[in-house]
Amino acid sequence: MPAADDSKRKAARETIDILHEISTLLNTHLDRQSLSYCVSLIENGVNPEALANVIKDLRQHNPQQRSDNGL
């Protein structure tokens, strides 16, 4: 089973790397950790559009937050 766990971790890391590249191309200003949180939330049933709206709202209320922690 440890090989299966390593394989899953590697696949997850590669997925986040690809998403980060796409995120960078789209100038979303989300770091890898923020993207990982977003993916986890979406996998657990959060509406992606609602999540995007929350991130936009957070950025509007606190523009400094973008440079501090990736949001």
PDB file of N, CA and C in Angstrom:
ATOM      1  N   MET A   1       0.798  -1.206   0.000  1.00  0.00           N
ATOM      2  CA  MET A   1       0.000   0.000   0.000  1.00  0.00           C
ATOM      3  C   MET A   1       0.845   1.276   0.000  1.00  0.00           C
ATOM      4  N   PRO A   2       2.045   1.296   0.612  1.00  0.00           N
ATOM      5  CA  PRO A   2       2.813   2.537   0.593  1.00  0.00           C
ATOM      6  C   PRO A   2       3.100   3.037  -0.826  1.00  0.00           C
ATOM      7  N   ALA A   3       3.300   2.146  -1.770  1.00  0.00           N
ATOM      8  CA  ALA A   3       3.549   2.564  -3.150  1.00  0.00           C
ATOM      9  C   ALA A   3       2.307   3.246  -3.728  1.00  0.00           C
ATOM     10  N   ALA A   4       1.140   2.757  -3.379  1.00  0.00           N
ATOM     11  CA  ALA A   4      -0.104   3.375  -3.845  1.00  0.00           C
ATOM     12  C   ALA A   4      -0.267   4.770  -3.245  1.00  0.00           C
ATOM     13  N   ASP A   5       0.082   4.931  -1.957  1.00  0.00           N
ATOM     14  CA  ASP A   5       0.007   6.238  -1.307  1.00  0.00           C
ATOM     15  C   ASP A   5       0.977   7.215  -1.961  1.00  0.00           C
ATOM     16  N   ASP A   6       2.194   6.750  -2.249  1.00  0.00           N
ATOM     17  CA  ASP A   6       3.182   7.607  -2.918  1.00  0.00           C
ATOM     18  C   ASP A   6       2.698   8.005  -4.307  1.00  0.00           C
ATOM     19  N   SER A   7       2.083   7.071  -4.989  1.00  0.00           N
ATOM     20  CA  SER A   7       1.570   7.344  -6.328  1.00  0.00           C
ATOM     21  C   SER A   7       0.461   8.387  -6.282  1.00  0.00           C
ATOM     22  N   LYS A   8      -0.418   8.279  -5.283  1.00  0.00           N
ATOM     23  CA  LYS A   8      -1.505   9.258  -5.126  1.00  0.00           C
ATOM     24  C   LYS A   8      -0.953  10.635  -4.799  1.00  0.00           C
ATOM     25  N   ARG A   9       0.046  10.684  -3.915  1.00  0.00           N
ATOM     26  CA  ARG A   9       0.648  11.968  -3.557  1.00  0.00           C
ATOM     27  C   ARG A   9       1.327  12.608  -4.758  1.00  0.00           C
ATOM     28  N   LYS A  10       2.015  11.801  -5.535  1.00  0.00           N
ATOM     29  CA  LYS A  10       2.698  12.313  -6.723  1.00  0.00           C
ATOM     30  C   LYS A  10       1.677  12.856  -7.722  1.00  0.00           C
ATOM     31  N   ALA A  11       0.600  12.124  -7.928  1.00  0.00           N
ATOM     32  CA  ALA A  11      -0.442  12.567  -8.858  1.00  0.00           C
ATOM     33  C   ALA A  11      -1.088  13.867  -8.370  1.00  0.00           C
ATOM     34  N   ALA A  12      -1.336  13.964  -7.068  1.00  0.00           N
ATOM     35  CA  ALA A  12      -1.932  15.175  -6.505  1.00  0.00           C
ATOM     36  C   ALA A  12      -0.983  16.356  -6.675  1.00  0.00           C
ATOM     37  N   ARG A  13       0.298  16.133  -6.432  1.00  0.00           N
ATOM     38  CA  ARG A  13       1.292  17.196  -6.580  1.00  0.00           C
ATOM     39  C   ARG A  13       1.372  17.663  -8.031  1.00  0.00           C
ATOM     40  N   GLU A  14       1.350  16.713  -8.958  1.00  0.00           N
ATOM     41  CA  GLU A  14       1.395  17.056 -10.380  1.00  0.00           C
ATOM     42  C   GLU A  14       0.148  17.844 -10.793  1.00  0.00           C
ATOM     43  N   THR A  15      -0.992  17.452 -10.264  1.00  0.00           N
ATOM     44  CA  THR A  15      -2.240  18.158 -10.560  1.00  0.00           C
ATOM     45  C   THR A  15      -2.172  19.600 -10.075  1.00  0.00           C
ATOM     46  N   ILE A  16      -1.703  19.795  -8.854  1.00  0.00           N
ATOM     47  CA  ILE A  16      -1.579  21.153  -8.314  1.00  0.00           C
ATOM     48  C   ILE A  16      -0.567  21.950  -9.121  1.00  0.00           C
ATOM     49  N   ASP A  17       0.536  21.323  -9.538  1.00  0.00           N
ATOM     50  CA  ASP A  17       1.525  22.019 -10.369  1.00  0.00           C
ATOM     51  C   ASP A  17       0.910  22.497 -11.678  1.00  0.00           C
ATOM     52  N   ILE A  18       0.115  21.646 -12.310  1.00  0.00           N
ATOM     53  CA  ILE A  18      -0.549  22.010 -13.567  1.00  0.00           C
ATOM     54  C   ILE A  18      -1.559  23.127 -13.324  1.00  0.00           C
ATOM     55  N   LEU A  19      -2.350  22.996 -12.264  1.00  0.00           N
ATOM     56  CA  LEU A  19      -3.325  24.042 -11.937  1.00  0.00           C
ATOM     57  C   LEU A  19      -2.631  25.365 -11.624  1.00  0.00           C
ATOM     58  N   HIS A  20      -1.471  25.290 -10.978  1.00  0.00           N
ATOM     59  CA  HIS A  20      -0.737  26.520 -10.673  1.00  0.00           C
ATOM     60  C   HIS A  20      -0.236  27.183 -11.954  1.00  0.00           C
ATOM     61  N   GLU A  21       0.217  26.384 -12.903  1.00  0.00           N
ATOM     62  CA  GLU A  21       0.647  26.940 -14.192  1.00  0.00           C
ATOM     63  C   GLU A  21      -0.520  27.638 -14.891  1.00  0.00           C
ATOM     64  N   ILE A  22      -1.675  26.996 -14.901  1.00  0.00           N
ATOM     65  CA  ILE A  22      -2.870  27.598 -15.509  1.00  0.00           C
ATOM     66  C   ILE A  22      -3.248  28.869 -14.746  1.00  0.00           C
ATOM     67  N   SER A  23      -3.212  28.796 -13.423  1.00  0.00           N
ATOM     68  CA  SER A  23      -3.533  29.938 -12.583  1.00  0.00           C
ATOM     69  C   SER A  23      -2.605  31.117 -12.874  1.00  0.00           C
ATOM     70  N   THR A  24      -1.334  30.827 -13.055  1.00  0.00           N
ATOM     71  CA  THR A  24      -0.356  31.874 -13.368  1.00  0.00           C
ATOM     72  C   THR A  24      -0.656  32.497 -14.724  1.00  0.00           C
ATOM     73  N   LEU A  25      -0.970  31.671 -15.702  1.00  0.00           N
ATOM     74  CA  LEU A  25      -1.304  32.189 -17.033  1.00  0.00           C
ATOM     75  C   LEU A  25      -2.537  33.088 -17.000  1.00  0.00           C
ATOM     76  N   LEU A  26      -3.461  32.775 -16.110  1.00  0.00           N
ATOM     77  CA  LEU A  26      -4.702  33.544 -15.990  1.00  0.00           C
ATOM     78  C   LEU A  26      -4.598  34.693 -14.984  1.00  0.00           C
ATOM     79  N   ASN A  27      -3.407  34.868 -14.410  1.00  0.00           N
ATOM     80  CA  ASN A  27      -3.160  35.940 -13.428  1.00  0.00           C
ATOM     81  C   ASN A  27      -4.147  35.921 -12.263  1.00  0.00           C
ATOM     82  N   THR A  28      -4.390  34.747 -11.704  1.00  0.00           N
ATOM     83  CA  THR A  28      -5.311  34.651 -10.572  1.00  0.00           C
ATOM     84  C   THR A  28      -4.660  35.033  -9.250  1.00  0.00           C
ATOM     85  N   HIS A  29      -3.333  35.028  -9.202  1.00  0.00           N
ATOM     86  CA  HIS A  29      -2.571  35.354  -7.995  1.00  0.00           C
ATOM     87  C   HIS A  29      -2.849  34.380  -6.850  1.00  0.00           C
ATOM     88  N   LEU A  30      -3.144  33.140  -7.197  1.00  0.00           N
ATOM     89  CA  LEU A  30      -3.321  32.093  -6.186  1.00  0.00           C
ATOM     90  C   LEU A  30      -2.045  31.264  -6.125  1.00  0.00           C
ATOM     91  N   ASP A  31      -1.528  31.056  -4.922  1.00  0.00           N
ATOM     92  CA  ASP A  31      -0.345  30.217  -4.773  1.00  0.00           C
ATOM     93  C   ASP A  31      -0.762  28.743  -4.732  1.00  0.00           C
ATOM     94  N   ARG A  32       0.223  27.868  -4.680  1.00  0.00           N
ATOM     95  CA  ARG A  32      -0.069  26.425  -4.697  1.00  0.00           C
ATOM     96  C   ARG A  32      -0.936  25.997  -3.508  1.00  0.00           C
ATOM     97  N   GLN A  33      -0.639  26.542  -2.349  1.00  0.00           N
ATOM     98  CA  GLN A  33      -1.408  26.152  -1.165  1.00  0.00           C
ATOM     99  C   GLN A  33      -2.862  26.617  -1.287  1.00  0.00           C
ATOM    100  N   SER A  34      -3.072  27.838  -1.753  1.00  0.00           N
ATOM    101  CA  SER A  34      -4.439  28.342  -1.936  1.00  0.00           C
ATOM    102  C   SER A  34      -5.190  27.503  -2.957  1.00  0.00           C
ATOM    103  N   LEU A  35      -4.499  27.156  -4.045  1.00  0.00           N
ATOM    104  CA  LEU A  35      -5.127  26.299  -5.053  1.00  0.00           C
ATOM    105  C   LEU A  35      -5.491  24.938  -4.468  1.00  0.00           C
ATOM    106  N   SER A  36      -4.599  24.413  -3.653  1.00  0.00           N
ATOM    107  CA  SER A  36      -4.859  23.121  -3.020  1.00  0.00           C
ATOM    108  C   SER A  36      -6.100  23.186  -2.133  1.00  0.00           C
ATOM    109  N   TYR A  37      -6.232  24.285  -1.374  1.00  0.00           N
ATOM    110  CA  TYR A  37      -7.430  24.469  -0.543  1.00  0.00           C
ATOM    111  C   TYR A  37      -8.683  24.553  -1.407  1.00  0.00           C
ATOM    112  N   CYS A  38      -8.585  25.298  -2.496  1.00  0.00           N
ATOM    113  CA  CYS A  38      -9.742  25.445  -3.394  1.00  0.00           C
ATOM    114  C   CYS A  38     -10.148  24.096  -3.982  1.00  0.00           C
ATOM    115  N   VAL A  39      -9.174  23.323  -4.428  1.00  0.00           N
ATOM    116  CA  VAL A  39      -9.466  21.996  -4.994  1.00  0.00           C
ATOM    117  C   VAL A  39     -10.130  21.119  -3.936  1.00  0.00           C
ATOM    118  N   SER A  40      -9.603  21.149  -2.728  1.00  0.00           N
ATOM    119  CA  SER A  40     -10.173  20.341  -1.646  1.00  0.00           C
ATOM    120  C   SER A  40     -11.615  20.754  -1.354  1.00  0.00           C
ATOM    121  N   LEU A  41     -11.861  22.056  -1.313  1.00  0.00           N
ATOM    122  CA  LEU A  41     -13.229  22.531  -1.070  1.00  0.00           C
ATOM    123  C   LEU A  41     -14.175  22.077  -2.174  1.00  0.00           C
ATOM    124  N   ILE A  42     -13.726  22.201  -3.408  1.00  0.00           N
ATOM    125  CA  ILE A  42     -14.566  21.790  -4.538  1.00  0.00           C
ATOM    126  C   ILE A  42     -14.814  20.286  -4.518  1.00  0.00           C
ATOM    127  N   GLU A  43     -13.773  19.512  -4.196  1.00  0.00           N
ATOM    128  CA  GLU A  43     -13.938  18.052  -4.107  1.00  0.00           C
ATOM    129  C   GLU A  43     -14.926  17.675  -3.008  1.00  0.00           C
ATOM    130  N   ASN A  44     -15.058  18.535  -2.007  1.00  0.00           N
ATOM    131  CA  ASN A  44     -15.976  18.262  -0.898  1.00  0.00           C
ATOM    132  C   ASN A  44     -17.338  18.918  -1.078  1.00  0.00           C
ATOM    133  N   GLY A  45     -17.623  19.375  -2.302  1.00  0.00           N
ATOM    134  CA  GLY A  45     -18.971  19.807  -2.614  1.00  0.00           C
ATOM    135  C   GLY A  45     -19.224  21.306  -2.685  1.00  0.00           C
ATOM    136  N   VAL A  46     -18.197  22.126  -2.466  1.00  0.00           N
ATOM    137  CA  VAL A  46     -18.395  23.571  -2.561  1.00  0.00           C
ATOM    138  C   VAL A  46     -18.594  23.945  -4.026  1.00  0.00           C
ATOM    139  N   ASN A  47     -19.544  24.817  -4.271  1.00  0.00           N
ATOM    140  CA  ASN A  47     -19.822  25.289  -5.616  1.00  0.00           C
ATOM    141  C   ASN A  47     -18.638  26.136  -6.099  1.00  0.00           C
ATOM    142  N   PRO A  48     -17.999  25.763  -7.224  1.00  0.00           N
ATOM    143  CA  PRO A  48     -16.823  26.497  -7.708  1.00  0.00           C
ATOM    144  C   PRO A  48     -17.109  27.977  -7.990  1.00  0.00           C
ATOM    145  N   GLU A  49     -18.276  28.263  -8.530  1.00  0.00           N
ATOM    146  CA  GLU A  49     -18.613  29.653  -8.820  1.00  0.00           C
ATOM    147  C   GLU A  49     -18.780  30.455  -7.530  1.00  0.00           C
ATOM    148  N   ALA A  50     -19.395  29.848  -6.531  1.00  0.00           N
ATOM    149  CA  ALA A  50     -19.554  30.515  -5.240  1.00  0.00           C
ATOM    150  C   ALA A  50     -18.188  30.743  -4.592  1.00  0.00           C
ATOM    151  N   LEU A  51     -17.291  29.780  -4.702  1.00  0.00           N
ATOM    152  CA  LEU A  51     -15.944  29.918  -4.163  1.00  0.00           C
ATOM    153  C   LEU A  51     -15.211  31.067  -4.853  1.00  0.00           C
ATOM    154  N   ALA A  52     -15.324  31.150  -6.169  1.00  0.00           N
ATOM    155  CA  ALA A  52     -14.689  32.241  -6.919  1.00  0.00           C
ATOM    156  C   ALA A  52     -15.242  33.588  -6.467  1.00  0.00           C
ATOM    157  N   ASN A  53     -16.543  33.656  -6.235  1.00  0.00           N
ATOM    158  CA  ASN A  53     -17.157  34.906  -5.773  1.00  0.00           C
ATOM    159  C   ASN A  53     -16.657  35.297  -4.384  1.00  0.00           C
ATOM    160  N   VAL A  54     -16.483  34.318  -3.512  1.00  0.00           N
ATOM    161  CA  VAL A  54     -15.965  34.603  -2.168  1.00  0.00           C
ATOM    162  C   VAL A  54     -14.539  35.148  -2.264  1.00  0.00           C
ATOM    163  N   ILE A  55     -13.718  34.544  -3.105  1.00  0.00           N
ATOM    164  CA  ILE A  55     -12.342  35.019  -3.274  1.00  0.00           C
ATOM    165  C   ILE A  55     -12.337  36.447  -3.818  1.00  0.00           C
ATOM    166  N   LYS A  56     -13.193  36.721  -4.803  1.00  0.00           N
ATOM    167  CA  LYS A  56     -13.296  38.084  -5.346  1.00  0.00           C
ATOM    168  C   LYS A  56     -13.717  39.072  -4.262  1.00  0.00           C
ATOM    169  N   ASP A  57     -14.714  38.702  -3.467  1.00  0.00           N
ATOM    170  CA  ASP A  57     -15.186  39.575  -2.398  1.00  0.00           C
ATOM    171  C   ASP A  57     -14.086  39.837  -1.369  1.00  0.00           C
ATOM    172  N   LEU A  58     -13.351  38.791  -1.002  1.00  0.00           N
ATOM    173  CA  LEU A  58     -12.259  38.965  -0.047  1.00  0.00           C
ATOM    174  C   LEU A  58     -11.203  39.922  -0.594  1.00  0.00           C
ATOM    175  N   ARG A  59     -10.910  39.806  -1.854  1.00  0.00           N
ATOM    176  CA  ARG A  59      -9.916  40.681  -2.469  1.00  0.00           C
ATOM    177  C   ARG A  59     -10.394  42.125  -2.517  1.00  0.00           C
ATOM    178  N   GLN A  60     -11.680  42.334  -2.762  1.00  0.00           N
ATOM    179  CA  GLN A  60     -12.210  43.694  -2.802  1.00  0.00           C
ATOM    180  C   GLN A  60     -12.171  44.360  -1.434  1.00  0.00           C
ATOM    181  N   HIS A  61     -12.426  43.579  -0.397  1.00  0.00           N
ATOM    182  CA  HIS A  61     -12.462  44.127   0.954  1.00  0.00           C
ATOM    183  C   HIS A  61     -11.077  44.285   1.552  1.00  0.00           C
ATOM    184  N   ASN A  62     -10.116  43.518   1.067  1.00  0.00           N
ATOM    185  CA  ASN A  62      -8.772  43.577   1.616  1.00  0.00           C
ATOM    186  C   ASN A  62      -7.746  43.331   0.510  1.00  0.00           C
ATOM    187  N   PRO A  63      -7.449  44.341  -0.297  1.00  0.00           N
ATOM    188  CA  PRO A  63      -6.509  44.170  -1.425  1.00  0.00           C
ATOM    189  C   PRO A  63      -5.123  43.729  -0.956  1.00  0.00           C
ATOM    190  N   GLN A  64      -4.715  44.081   0.258  1.00  0.00           N
ATOM    191  CA  GLN A  64      -3.399  43.684   0.777  1.00  0.00           C
ATOM    192  C   GLN A  64      -3.297  42.173   0.924  1.00  0.00           C
ATOM    193  N   GLN A  65      -4.422  41.521   1.137  1.00  0.00           N
ATOM    194  CA  GLN A  65      -4.455  40.083   1.352  1.00  0.00           C
ATOM    195  C   GLN A  65      -3.867  39.328   0.178  1.00  0.00           C
ATOM    196  N   ARG A  66      -4.028  39.812  -1.027  1.00  0.00           N
ATOM    197  CA  ARG A  66      -3.528  39.142  -2.226  1.00  0.00           C
ATOM    198  C   ARG A  66      -2.025  38.945  -2.140  1.00  0.00           C
ATOM    199  N   SER A  67      -1.307  39.963  -1.755  1.00  0.00           N
ATOM    200  CA  SER A  67       0.144  39.858  -1.711  1.00  0.00           C
ATOM    201  C   SER A  67       0.634  39.133  -0.486  1.00  0.00           C
ATOM    202  N   ASP A  68      -0.166  39.101   0.587  1.00  0.00           N
ATOM    203  CA  ASP A  68       0.264  38.464   1.818  1.00  0.00           C
ATOM    204  C   ASP A  68       0.135  36.941   1.820  1.00  0.00           C
ATOM    205  N   ASN A  69      -0.985  36.407   1.300  1.00  0.00           N
ATOM    206  CA  ASN A  69      -1.178  34.972   1.419  1.00  0.00           C
ATOM    207  C   ASN A  69      -1.739  34.302   0.189  1.00  0.00           C
ATOM    208  N   GLY A  70      -1.662  34.941  -0.960  1.00  0.00           N
ATOM    209  CA  GLY A  70      -2.044  34.265  -2.179  1.00  0.00           C
ATOM    210  C   GLY A  70      -3.478  34.393  -2.588  1.00  0.00           C
ATOM    211  N   LEU A  71      -4.333  34.980  -1.770  1.00  0.00           N
ATOM    212  CA  LEU A  71      -5.731  35.109  -2.166  1.00  0.00           C
ATOM    213  C   LEU A  71      -5.955  36.248  -3.094  1.00  0.00           C
TER     214      LEU A  71
END
